[in-house]
Amino acid sequence: ALFYLRSVAAKFDYKDRVTGKLIPSVKTIEIYKGSI
């Protein structure tokens, strides 16, 4: 499940289309920590 989410989570910083804010990329270690 961690790899499935990693495949679709943002790998680079991106600009949100609604708020216009810069959203940092999702790191693999954050996905790992979230599962604990």
PDB file of all heavy atoms in Angstrom:
ATOM      1  N   ALA A   1       0.824  -1.206   0.000  1.00  0.00           N
ATOM      2  CA  ALA A   1       0.000   0.000   0.000  1.00  0.00           C
ATOM      3  C   ALA A   1       0.862   1.262   0.000  1.00  0.00           C
ATOM      4  O   ALA A   1       0.496   2.280  -0.597  1.00  0.00           O
ATOM      5  CB  ALA A   1      -0.937  -0.001   1.214  1.00  0.00           C
ATOM      6  N   LEU A   2       2.015   1.203   0.657  1.00  0.00           N
ATOM      7  CA  LEU A   2       2.915   2.355   0.693  1.00  0.00           C
ATOM      8  C   LEU A   2       3.458   2.671  -0.697  1.00  0.00           C
ATOM      9  O   LEU A   2       3.566   3.836  -1.089  1.00  0.00           O
ATOM     10  CB  LEU A   2       4.074   2.081   1.660  1.00  0.00           C
ATOM     11  CG  LEU A   2       3.688   1.638   3.075  1.00  0.00           C
ATOM     12  CD1 LEU A   2       4.935   1.370   3.904  1.00  0.00           C
ATOM     13  CD2 LEU A   2       2.815   2.678   3.751  1.00  0.00           C
ATOM     14  N   PHE A   3       3.776   1.634  -1.457  1.00  0.00           N
ATOM     15  CA  PHE A   3       4.292   1.850  -2.803  1.00  0.00           C
ATOM     16  C   PHE A   3       3.192   2.329  -3.752  1.00  0.00           C
ATOM     17  O   PHE A   3       3.440   3.107  -4.675  1.00  0.00           O
ATOM     18  CB  PHE A   3       4.934   0.574  -3.338  1.00  0.00           C
ATOM     19  CG  PHE A   3       6.264   0.273  -2.708  1.00  0.00           C
ATOM     20  CD1 PHE A   3       6.405  -0.746  -1.790  1.00  0.00           C
ATOM     21  CD2 PHE A   3       7.383   1.028  -3.020  1.00  0.00           C
ATOM     22  CE1 PHE A   3       7.619  -1.018  -1.199  1.00  0.00           C
ATOM     23  CE2 PHE A   3       8.615   0.765  -2.444  1.00  0.00           C
ATOM     24  CZ  PHE A   3       8.735  -0.255  -1.526  1.00  0.00           C
ATOM     25  N   TYR A   4       1.948   1.835  -3.538  1.00  0.00           N
ATOM     26  CA  TYR A   4       0.839   2.311  -4.377  1.00  0.00           C
ATOM     27  C   TYR A   4       0.647   3.816  -4.189  1.00  0.00           C
ATOM     28  O   TYR A   4       0.454   4.560  -5.165  1.00  0.00           O
ATOM     29  CB  TYR A   4      -0.452   1.578  -4.019  1.00  0.00           C
ATOM     30  CG  TYR A   4      -0.435   0.094  -4.315  1.00  0.00           C
ATOM     31  CD1 TYR A   4      -1.115  -0.813  -3.500  1.00  0.00           C
ATOM     32  CD2 TYR A   4       0.254  -0.410  -5.419  1.00  0.00           C
ATOM     33  CE1 TYR A   4      -1.097  -2.169  -3.762  1.00  0.00           C
ATOM     34  CE2 TYR A   4       0.272  -1.760  -5.690  1.00  0.00           C
ATOM     35  CZ  TYR A   4      -0.403  -2.647  -4.859  1.00  0.00           C
ATOM     36  OH  TYR A   4      -0.388  -3.990  -5.119  1.00  0.00           O
ATOM     37  N   LEU A   5       0.691   4.281  -2.923  1.00  0.00           N
ATOM     38  CA  LEU A   5       0.534   5.714  -2.682  1.00  0.00           C
ATOM     39  C   LEU A   5       1.741   6.487  -3.198  1.00  0.00           C
ATOM     40  O   LEU A   5       1.591   7.580  -3.754  1.00  0.00           O
ATOM     41  CB  LEU A   5       0.332   5.973  -1.189  1.00  0.00           C
ATOM     42  CG  LEU A   5       0.111   7.437  -0.799  1.00  0.00           C
ATOM     43  CD1 LEU A   5      -1.123   7.996  -1.489  1.00  0.00           C
ATOM     44  CD2 LEU A   5      -0.015   7.591   0.713  1.00  0.00           C
ATOM     45  N   ARG A   6       2.933   5.927  -3.037  1.00  0.00           N
ATOM     46  CA  ARG A   6       4.144   6.593  -3.529  1.00  0.00           C
ATOM     47  C   ARG A   6       4.059   6.818  -5.040  1.00  0.00           C
ATOM     48  O   ARG A   6       4.564   7.832  -5.561  1.00  0.00           O
ATOM     49  CB  ARG A   6       5.359   5.727  -3.182  1.00  0.00           C
ATOM     50  CG  ARG A   6       6.707   6.191  -3.713  1.00  0.00           C
ATOM     51  CD  ARG A   6       7.193   7.473  -3.080  1.00  0.00           C
ATOM     52  NE  ARG A   6       6.601   8.674  -3.700  1.00  0.00           N
ATOM     53  CZ  ARG A   6       6.794   9.904  -3.256  1.00  0.00           C
ATOM     54  NH1 ARG A   6       7.535  10.124  -2.191  1.00  0.00           N
ATOM     55  NH2 ARG A   6       6.231  10.930  -3.875  1.00  0.00           N
ATOM     56  N   SER A   7       3.431   5.922  -5.757  1.00  0.00           N
ATOM     57  CA  SER A   7       3.357   6.022  -7.216  1.00  0.00           C
ATOM     58  C   SER A   7       2.480   7.180  -7.680  1.00  0.00           C
ATOM     59  O   SER A   7       2.641   7.658  -8.810  1.00  0.00           O
ATOM     60  CB  SER A   7       2.846   4.707  -7.814  1.00  0.00           C
ATOM     61  OG  SER A   7       1.495   4.485  -7.454  1.00  0.00           O
ATOM     62  N   VAL A   8       1.535   7.639  -6.837  1.00  0.00           N
ATOM     63  CA  VAL A   8       0.630   8.713  -7.258  1.00  0.00           C
ATOM     64  C   VAL A   8       0.830  10.003  -6.463  1.00  0.00           C
ATOM     65  O   VAL A   8       0.284  11.042  -6.837  1.00  0.00           O
ATOM     66  CB  VAL A   8      -0.849   8.263  -7.139  1.00  0.00           C
ATOM     67  CG1 VAL A   8      -1.127   7.114  -8.086  1.00  0.00           C
ATOM     68  CG2 VAL A   8      -1.201   7.887  -5.708  1.00  0.00           C
ATOM     69  N   ALA A   9       1.564   9.955  -5.346  1.00  0.00           N
ATOM     70  CA  ALA A   9       1.815  11.168  -4.565  1.00  0.00           C
ATOM     71  C   ALA A   9       2.801  12.074  -5.296  1.00  0.00           C
ATOM     72  O   ALA A   9       3.629  11.609  -6.092  1.00  0.00           O
ATOM     73  CB  ALA A   9       2.352  10.804  -3.180  1.00  0.00           C
ATOM     74  N   ALA A  10       2.707  13.375  -5.007  1.00  0.00           N
ATOM     75  CA  ALA A  10       3.547  14.361  -5.697  1.00  0.00           C
ATOM     76  C   ALA A  10       5.034  14.124  -5.398  1.00  0.00           C
ATOM     77  O   ALA A  10       5.435  14.075  -4.236  1.00  0.00           O
ATOM     78  CB  ALA A  10       3.155  15.766  -5.256  1.00  0.00           C
ATOM     79  N   LYS A  11       5.817  13.966  -6.446  1.00  0.00           N
ATOM     80  CA  LYS A  11       7.262  13.738  -6.288  1.00  0.00           C
ATOM     81  C   LYS A  11       8.055  15.045  -6.304  1.00  0.00           C
ATOM     82  O   LYS A  11       9.220  15.066  -5.924  1.00  0.00           O
ATOM     83  CB  LYS A  11       7.759  12.811  -7.392  1.00  0.00           C
ATOM     84  CG  LYS A  11       7.113  11.438  -7.378  1.00  0.00           C
ATOM     85  CD  LYS A  11       7.612  10.588  -8.521  1.00  0.00           C
ATOM     86  CE  LYS A  11       6.960   9.197  -8.506  1.00  0.00           C
ATOM     87  NZ  LYS A  11       5.493   9.261  -8.678  1.00  0.00           N
ATOM     88  N   PHE A  12       7.398  16.129  -6.771  1.00  0.00           N
ATOM     89  CA  PHE A  12       8.055  17.428  -6.823  1.00  0.00           C
ATOM     90  C   PHE A  12       7.108  18.492  -6.256  1.00  0.00           C
ATOM     91  O   PHE A  12       5.897  18.281  -6.190  1.00  0.00           O
ATOM     92  CB  PHE A  12       8.441  17.792  -8.270  1.00  0.00           C
ATOM     93  CG  PHE A  12       9.281  16.758  -8.967  1.00  0.00           C
ATOM     94  CD1 PHE A  12       8.706  15.850  -9.833  1.00  0.00           C
ATOM     95  CD2 PHE A  12      10.648  16.690  -8.734  1.00  0.00           C
ATOM     96  CE1 PHE A  12       9.475  14.895 -10.474  1.00  0.00           C
ATOM     97  CE2 PHE A  12      11.425  15.738  -9.363  1.00  0.00           C
ATOM     98  CZ  PHE A  12      10.840  14.833 -10.235  1.00  0.00           C
ATOM     99  N   ASP A  13       7.666  19.604  -5.856  1.00  0.00           N
ATOM    100  CA  ASP A  13       6.835  20.714  -5.391  1.00  0.00           C
ATOM    101  C   ASP A  13       5.922  21.170  -6.522  1.00  0.00           C
ATOM    102  O   ASP A  13       6.317  21.190  -7.708  1.00  0.00           O
ATOM    103  CB  ASP A  13       7.713  21.884  -4.946  1.00  0.00           C
ATOM    104  CG  ASP A  13       8.617  21.499  -3.783  1.00  0.00           C
ATOM    105  OD1 ASP A  13       8.422  20.406  -3.222  1.00  0.00           O
ATOM    106  OD2 ASP A  13       9.514  22.293  -3.443  1.00  0.00           O
ATOM    107  N   TYR A  14       4.694  21.547  -6.161  1.00  0.00           N
ATOM    108  CA  TYR A  14       3.745  21.963  -7.195  1.00  0.00           C
ATOM    109  C   TYR A  14       2.880  23.119  -6.671  1.00  0.00           C
ATOM    110  O   TYR A  14       2.747  23.327  -5.468  1.00  0.00           O
ATOM    111  CB  TYR A  14       2.854  20.795  -7.629  1.00  0.00           C
ATOM    112  CG  TYR A  14       1.915  20.288  -6.548  1.00  0.00           C
ATOM    113  CD1 TYR A  14       0.593  20.728  -6.497  1.00  0.00           C
ATOM    114  CD2 TYR A  14       2.345  19.374  -5.595  1.00  0.00           C
ATOM    115  CE1 TYR A  14      -0.271  20.265  -5.505  1.00  0.00           C
ATOM    116  CE2 TYR A  14       1.487  18.902  -4.607  1.00  0.00           C
ATOM    117  CZ  TYR A  14       0.179  19.352  -4.572  1.00  0.00           C
ATOM    118  OH  TYR A  14      -0.670  18.901  -3.593  1.00  0.00           O
ATOM    119  N   LYS A  15       2.281  23.851  -7.597  1.00  0.00           N
ATOM    120  CA  LYS A  15       1.414  24.977  -7.260  1.00  0.00           C
ATOM    121  C   LYS A  15      -0.031  24.503  -7.249  1.00  0.00           C
ATOM    122  O   LYS A  15      -0.522  23.958  -8.240  1.00  0.00           O
ATOM    123  CB  LYS A  15       1.591  26.108  -8.281  1.00  0.00           C
ATOM    124  CG  LYS A  15       0.847  27.383  -7.912  1.00  0.00           C
ATOM    125  CD  LYS A  15       1.157  28.476  -8.919  1.00  0.00           C
ATOM    126  CE  LYS A  15       0.464  29.788  -8.528  1.00  0.00           C
ATOM    127  NZ  LYS A  15       0.748  30.872  -9.503  1.00  0.00           N
ATOM    128  N   ASP A  16      -0.712  24.690  -6.106  1.00  0.00           N
ATOM    129  CA  ASP A  16      -2.089  24.229  -5.973  1.00  0.00           C
ATOM    130  C   ASP A  16      -2.997  25.043  -6.892  1.00  0.00           C
ATOM    131  O   ASP A  16      -2.915  26.277  -6.938  1.00  0.00           O
ATOM    132  CB  ASP A  16      -2.550  24.364  -4.520  1.00  0.00           C
ATOM    133  CG  ASP A  16      -3.941  23.795  -4.312  1.00  0.00           C
ATOM    134  OD1 ASP A  16      -4.087  22.570  -4.358  1.00  0.00           O
ATOM    135  OD2 ASP A  16      -4.878  24.595  -4.106  1.00  0.00           O
ATOM    136  N   ARG A  17      -3.873  24.375  -7.611  1.00  0.00           N
ATOM    137  CA  ARG A  17      -4.716  25.048  -8.603  1.00  0.00           C
ATOM    138  C   ARG A  17      -5.832  25.868  -7.958  1.00  0.00           C
ATOM    139  O   ARG A  17      -6.407  26.750  -8.611  1.00  0.00           O
ATOM    140  CB  ARG A  17      -5.328  24.010  -9.553  1.00  0.00           C
ATOM    141  CG  ARG A  17      -6.202  22.983  -8.869  1.00  0.00           C
ATOM    142  CD  ARG A  17      -6.765  21.978  -9.860  1.00  0.00           C
ATOM    143  NE  ARG A  17      -7.594  20.978  -9.216  1.00  0.00           N
ATOM    144  CZ  ARG A  17      -8.869  21.164  -8.912  1.00  0.00           C
ATOM    145  NH1 ARG A  17      -9.455  22.309  -9.197  1.00  0.00           N
ATOM    146  NH2 ARG A  17      -9.560  20.205  -8.324  1.00  0.00           N
ATOM    147  N   VAL A  18      -6.176  25.619  -6.685  1.00  0.00           N
ATOM    148  CA  VAL A  18      -7.264  26.339  -6.024  1.00  0.00           C
ATOM    149  C   VAL A  18      -6.732  27.516  -5.214  1.00  0.00           C
ATOM    150  O   VAL A  18      -7.179  28.664  -5.368  1.00  0.00           O
ATOM    151  CB  VAL A  18      -8.078  25.390  -5.122  1.00  0.00           C
ATOM    152  CG1 VAL A  18      -9.139  26.167  -4.341  1.00  0.00           C
ATOM    153  CG2 VAL A  18      -8.729  24.301  -5.956  1.00  0.00           C
ATOM    154  N   THR A  19      -5.786  27.248  -4.344  1.00  0.00           N
ATOM    155  CA  THR A  19      -5.272  28.296  -3.456  1.00  0.00           C
ATOM    156  C   THR A  19      -4.105  29.060  -4.055  1.00  0.00           C
ATOM    157  O   THR A  19      -3.794  30.168  -3.604  1.00  0.00           O
ATOM    158  CB  THR A  19      -4.823  27.673  -2.121  1.00  0.00           C
ATOM    159  OG1 THR A  19      -3.749  26.743  -2.365  1.00  0.00           O
ATOM    160  CG2 THR A  19      -5.980  26.945  -1.460  1.00  0.00           C
ATOM    161  N   GLY A  20      -3.447  28.480  -5.047  1.00  0.00           N
ATOM    162  CA  GLY A  20      -2.290  29.133  -5.642  1.00  0.00           C
ATOM    163  C   GLY A  20      -1.029  29.020  -4.816  1.00  0.00           C
ATOM    164  O   GLY A  20       0.015  29.584  -5.189  1.00  0.00           O
ATOM    165  N   LYS A  21      -1.069  28.284  -3.702  1.00  0.00           N
ATOM    166  CA  LYS A  21       0.096  28.127  -2.847  1.00  0.00           C
ATOM    167  C   LYS A  21       1.026  27.050  -3.393  1.00  0.00           C
ATOM    168  O   LYS A  21       0.598  26.141  -4.105  1.00  0.00           O
ATOM    169  CB  LYS A  21      -0.330  27.765  -1.428  1.00  0.00           C
ATOM    170  CG  LYS A  21      -1.160  28.826  -0.724  1.00  0.00           C
ATOM    171  CD  LYS A  21      -1.549  28.361   0.674  1.00  0.00           C
ATOM    172  CE  LYS A  21      -2.382  29.407   1.399  1.00  0.00           C
ATOM    173  NZ  LYS A  21      -2.798  28.932   2.759  1.00  0.00           N
ATOM    174  N   LEU A  22       2.298  27.149  -3.012  1.00  0.00           N
ATOM    175  CA  LEU A  22       3.269  26.132  -3.401  1.00  0.00           C
ATOM    176  C   LEU A  22       3.224  25.006  -2.372  1.00  0.00           C
ATOM    177  O   LEU A  22       3.462  25.218  -1.182  1.00  0.00           O
ATOM    178  CB  LEU A  22       4.672  26.731  -3.463  1.00  0.00           C
ATOM    179  CG  LEU A  22       5.776  25.786  -3.954  1.00  0.00           C
ATOM    180  CD1 LEU A  22       5.547  25.415  -5.417  1.00  0.00           C
ATOM    181  CD2 LEU A  22       7.157  26.419  -3.775  1.00  0.00           C
ATOM    182  N   ILE A  23       2.900  23.805  -2.838  1.00  0.00           N
ATOM    183  CA  ILE A  23       2.783  22.639  -1.959  1.00  0.00           C
ATOM    184  C   ILE A  23       4.049  21.799  -2.089  1.00  0.00           C
ATOM    185  O   ILE A  23       4.407  21.369  -3.194  1.00  0.00           O
ATOM    186  CB  ILE A  23       1.560  21.772  -2.324  1.00  0.00           C
ATOM    187  CG1 ILE A  23       0.283  22.622  -2.325  1.00  0.00           C
ATOM    188  CG2 ILE A  23       1.425  20.602  -1.363  1.00  0.00           C
ATOM    189  CD1 ILE A  23      -0.102  23.173  -0.980  1.00  0.00           C
ATOM    190  N   PRO A  24       4.775  21.563  -0.977  1.00  0.00           N
ATOM    191  CA  PRO A  24       5.983  20.726  -1.054  1.00  0.00           C
ATOM    192  C   PRO A  24       5.642  19.291  -1.456  1.00  0.00           C
ATOM    193  O   PRO A  24       4.533  18.806  -1.235  1.00  0.00           O
ATOM    194  CB  PRO A  24       6.554  20.787   0.372  1.00  0.00           C
ATOM    195  CG  PRO A  24       5.919  21.985   0.999  1.00  0.00           C
ATOM    196  CD  PRO A  24       4.576  22.124   0.374  1.00  0.00           C
ATOM    197  N   SER A  25       6.610  18.625  -2.040  1.00  0.00           N
ATOM    198  CA  SER A  25       6.410  17.239  -2.468  1.00  0.00           C
ATOM    199  C   SER A  25       6.233  16.321  -1.253  1.00  0.00           C
ATOM    200  O   SER A  25       6.597  16.662  -0.128  1.00  0.00           O
ATOM    201  CB  SER A  25       7.607  16.770  -3.286  1.00  0.00           C
ATOM    202  OG  SER A  25       8.788  16.816  -2.492  1.00  0.00           O
ATOM    203  N   VAL A  26       5.629  15.153  -1.518  1.00  0.00           N
ATOM    204  CA  VAL A  26       5.425  14.153  -0.468  1.00  0.00           C
ATOM    205  C   VAL A  26       6.629  13.225  -0.453  1.00  0.00           C
ATOM    206  O   VAL A  26       6.932  12.568  -1.464  1.00  0.00           O
ATOM    207  CB  VAL A  26       4.135  13.355  -0.722  1.00  0.00           C
ATOM    208  CG1 VAL A  26       3.955  12.290   0.360  1.00  0.00           C
ATOM    209  CG2 VAL A  26       2.937  14.289  -0.748  1.00  0.00           C
ATOM    210  N   LYS A  27       7.315  13.180   0.668  1.00  0.00           N
ATOM    211  CA  LYS A  27       8.514  12.343   0.786  1.00  0.00           C
ATOM    212  C   LYS A  27       8.140  10.925   1.216  1.00  0.00           C
ATOM    213  O   LYS A  27       7.145  10.710   1.909  1.00  0.00           O
ATOM    214  CB  LYS A  27       9.499  12.958   1.789  1.00  0.00           C
ATOM    215  CG  LYS A  27      10.020  14.328   1.380  1.00  0.00           C
ATOM    216  CD  LYS A  27      10.963  14.875   2.417  1.00  0.00           C
ATOM    217  CE  LYS A  27      11.604  16.184   1.947  1.00  0.00           C
ATOM    218  NZ  LYS A  27      10.600  17.229   1.657  1.00  0.00           N
ATOM    219  N   THR A  28       8.960   9.984   0.793  1.00  0.00           N
ATOM    220  CA  THR A  28       8.705   8.583   1.129  1.00  0.00           C
ATOM    221  C   THR A  28       8.716   8.357   2.632  1.00  0.00           C
ATOM    222  O   THR A  28       7.904   7.594   3.168  1.00  0.00           O
ATOM    223  CB  THR A  28       9.745   7.680   0.449  1.00  0.00           C
ATOM    224  OG1 THR A  28       9.715   7.889  -0.959  1.00  0.00           O
ATOM    225  CG2 THR A  28       9.471   6.214   0.747  1.00  0.00           C
ATOM    226  N   ILE A  29       9.610   9.036   3.344  1.00  0.00           N
ATOM    227  CA  ILE A  29       9.702   8.856   4.791  1.00  0.00           C
ATOM    228  C   ILE A  29       8.420   9.325   5.470  1.00  0.00           C
ATOM    229  O   ILE A  29       8.014   8.784   6.516  1.00  0.00           O
ATOM    230  CB  ILE A  29      10.930   9.616   5.348  1.00  0.00           C
ATOM    231  CG1 ILE A  29      11.175   9.240   6.811  1.00  0.00           C
ATOM    232  CG2 ILE A  29      10.749  11.108   5.191  1.00  0.00           C
ATOM    233  CD1 ILE A  29      11.529   7.806   7.023  1.00  0.00           C
ATOM    234  N   GLU A  30       7.717  10.313   4.888  1.00  0.00           N
ATOM    235  CA  GLU A  30       6.439  10.775   5.441  1.00  0.00           C
ATOM    236  C   GLU A  30       5.363   9.716   5.274  1.00  0.00           C
ATOM    237  O   GLU A  30       4.505   9.535   6.155  1.00  0.00           O
ATOM    238  CB  GLU A  30       6.021  12.076   4.766  1.00  0.00           C
ATOM    239  CG  GLU A  30       6.942  13.252   5.075  1.00  0.00           C
ATOM    240  CD  GLU A  30       6.634  14.487   4.252  1.00  0.00           C
ATOM    241  OE1 GLU A  30       6.000  14.342   3.183  1.00  0.00           O
ATOM    242  OE2 GLU A  30       7.026  15.591   4.669  1.00  0.00           O
ATOM    243  N   ILE A  31       5.400   9.006   4.161  1.00  0.00           N
ATOM    244  CA  ILE A  31       4.449   7.913   3.954  1.00  0.00           C
ATOM    245  C   ILE A  31       4.718   6.788   4.950  1.00  0.00           C
ATOM    246  O   ILE A  31       3.787   6.213   5.530  1.00  0.00           O
ATOM    247  CB  ILE A  31       4.534   7.399   2.503  1.00  0.00           C
ATOM    248  CG1 ILE A  31       4.167   8.518   1.525  1.00  0.00           C
ATOM    249  CG2 ILE A  31       3.614   6.196   2.302  1.00  0.00           C
ATOM    250  CD1 ILE A  31       4.294   8.133   0.064  1.00  0.00           C
ATOM    251  N   TYR A  32       5.993   6.484   5.165  1.00  0.00           N
ATOM    252  CA  TYR A  32       6.350   5.437   6.127  1.00  0.00           C
ATOM    253  C   TYR A  32       5.901   5.807   7.541  1.00  0.00           C
ATOM    254  O   TYR A  32       5.317   4.997   8.264  1.00  0.00           O
ATOM    255  CB  TYR A  32       7.863   5.208   6.115  1.00  0.00           C
ATOM    256  CG  TYR A  32       8.375   4.434   4.920  1.00  0.00           C
ATOM    257  CD1 TYR A  32       9.736   4.225   4.740  1.00  0.00           C
ATOM    258  CD2 TYR A  32       7.495   3.913   3.978  1.00  0.00           C
ATOM    259  CE1 TYR A  32      10.217   3.518   3.645  1.00  0.00           C
ATOM    260  CE2 TYR A  32       7.978   3.217   2.885  1.00  0.00           C
ATOM    261  CZ  TYR A  32       9.325   3.023   2.717  1.00  0.00           C
ATOM    262  OH  TYR A  32       9.793   2.310   1.645  1.00  0.00           O
ATOM    263  N   LYS A  33       6.186   7.052   7.944  1.00  0.00           N
ATOM    264  CA  LYS A  33       5.803   7.482   9.293  1.00  0.00           C
ATOM    265  C   LYS A  33       4.284   7.462   9.469  1.00  0.00           C
ATOM    266  O   LYS A  33       3.776   7.126  10.540  1.00  0.00           O
ATOM    267  CB  LYS A  33       6.336   8.889   9.556  1.00  0.00           C
ATOM    268  CG  LYS A  33       7.839   8.962   9.767  1.00  0.00           C
ATOM    269  CD  LYS A  33       8.277  10.403  10.041  1.00  0.00           C
ATOM    270  CE  LYS A  33       9.773  10.492  10.295  1.00  0.00           C
ATOM    271  NZ  LYS A  33      10.201  11.901  10.540  1.00  0.00           N
ATOM    272  N   GLY A  34       3.575   7.835   8.434  1.00  0.00           N
ATOM    273  CA  GLY A  34       2.122   7.870   8.529  1.00  0.00           C
ATOM    274  C   GLY A  34       1.492   6.515   8.763  1.00  0.00           C
ATOM    275  O   GLY A  34       0.407   6.408   9.347  1.00  0.00           O
ATOM    276  N   SER A  35       2.165   5.460   8.333  1.00  0.00           N
ATOM    277  CA  SER A  35       1.588   4.118   8.469  1.00  0.00           C
ATOM    278  C   SER A  35       1.747   3.544   9.871  1.00  0.00           C
ATOM    279  O   SER A  35       1.017   2.608  10.239  1.00  0.00           O
ATOM    280  CB  SER A  35       2.248   3.168   7.458  1.00  0.00           C
ATOM    281  OG  SER A  35       3.617   2.959   7.787  1.00  0.00           O
ATOM    282  N   ILE A  36       2.666   4.072  10.662  1.00  0.00           N
ATOM    283  CA  ILE A  36       3.009   3.438  11.942  1.00  0.00           C
ATOM    284  C   ILE A  36       1.813   3.388  12.887  1.00  0.00           C
ATOM    285  O   ILE A  36       1.504   2.346  13.480  1.00  0.00           O
ATOM    286  CB  ILE A  36       4.191   4.181  12.604  1.00  0.00           C
ATOM    287  CG1 ILE A  36       5.451   4.006  11.753  1.00  0.00           C
ATOM    288  CG2 ILE A  36       4.433   3.663  14.011  1.00  0.00           C
ATOM    289  CD1 ILE A  36       6.642   4.807  12.239  1.00  0.00           C
TER     290      ILE A  36
END
